[in-house]
Amino acid sequence: MTFAGNELQENWSALEIMIQLFCKFSKKIALHLNYNYPEKLAQDISNYFITIRNNSSPKSEDKL
């Protein structure tokens, strides 16, 4: 299960864990298949995720 619950923070945390697992296993698979793992691309995607996460946090005045 990827999404954890009703709270936005729980879902962001679950997505972050999913991304970490994907990267971990992607590196192992690439090594096993003798492929070069695209480290820069993976880092760029992680940075993009962080940017989106930081820019989507609800502001206190947005809460009901």
Protein backbone atom coordinates (compact mmCIF):
# COMPACT_ATOMS: atom_id res chain seq x y z
CA MET A 1 0.00 0.00 0.00
CA THR A 2 1.48 3.34 -1.02
CA PHE A 3 -0.91 5.91 0.38
CA ALA A 4 -1.12 5.88 4.15
CA GLY A 5 -4.24 7.75 5.11
CA ASN A 6 -6.24 10.96 5.16
CA GLU A 7 -3.45 13.29 6.22
CA LEU A 8 -1.38 14.98 3.52
CA GLN A 9 1.85 14.46 5.47
CA GLU A 10 1.21 10.70 5.75
CA ASN A 11 0.82 10.45 1.99
CA TRP A 12 3.96 12.47 1.28
CA SER A 13 5.89 10.22 3.66
CA ALA A 14 4.54 7.08 1.99
CA LEU A 15 5.46 8.42 -1.46
CA GLU A 16 8.96 9.28 -0.24
CA ILE A 17 9.44 5.72 1.06
CA MET A 18 8.17 4.31 -2.24
CA ILE A 19 10.69 6.43 -4.18
CA GLN A 20 13.52 5.31 -1.88
CA LEU A 21 12.59 1.65 -2.35
CA PHE A 22 12.36 2.09 -6.11
CA CYS A 23 15.83 3.65 -6.23
CA LYS A 24 17.30 0.96 -3.98
CA PHE A 25 15.99 -1.90 -6.11
CA SER A 26 16.69 -0.10 -9.39
CA LYS A 27 20.37 0.13 -8.45
CA LYS A 28 20.50 -3.58 -7.58
CA ILE A 29 18.76 -4.57 -10.81
CA ALA A 30 21.03 -2.32 -12.88
CA LEU A 31 24.09 -3.87 -11.25
CA HIS A 32 22.76 -7.39 -11.81
CA LEU A 33 22.03 -6.67 -15.48
CA ASN A 34 25.32 -4.83 -15.93
CA TYR A 35 23.65 -1.49 -16.76
CA ASN A 36 24.82 1.91 -15.67
CA TYR A 37 22.43 3.35 -13.11
CA PRO A 38 21.54 6.97 -14.01
CA GLU A 39 22.63 8.57 -10.72
CA LYS A 40 22.20 12.15 -11.93
CA LEU A 41 18.71 11.48 -13.26
CA ALA A 42 17.73 9.79 -9.99
CA GLN A 43 19.08 12.77 -8.01
CA ASP A 44 17.26 15.23 -10.28
CA ILE A 45 14.00 13.35 -9.74
CA SER A 46 14.55 13.33 -5.96
CA ASN A 47 15.21 17.07 -6.02
CA TYR A 48 12.05 17.64 -8.06
CA PHE A 49 10.03 15.62 -5.55
CA ILE A 50 11.44 17.71 -2.69
CA THR A 51 10.57 20.93 -4.53
CA ILE A 52 6.99 19.83 -5.17
CA ARG A 53 6.58 18.60 -1.60
CA ASN A 54 7.88 21.87 -0.16
CA ASN A 55 5.68 23.97 -2.44
CA SER A 56 2.49 22.04 -1.79
CA SER A 57 2.36 22.23 2.00
CA PRO A 58 -0.91 23.87 3.01
CA LYS A 59 -0.61 27.26 4.64
CA SER A 60 -2.29 27.77 7.99
CA GLU A 61 -4.69 30.33 6.50
CA ASP A 62 -5.80 27.73 3.92
CA LYS A 63 -7.10 25.37 6.61
CA LEU A 64 -10.79 25.43 7.49
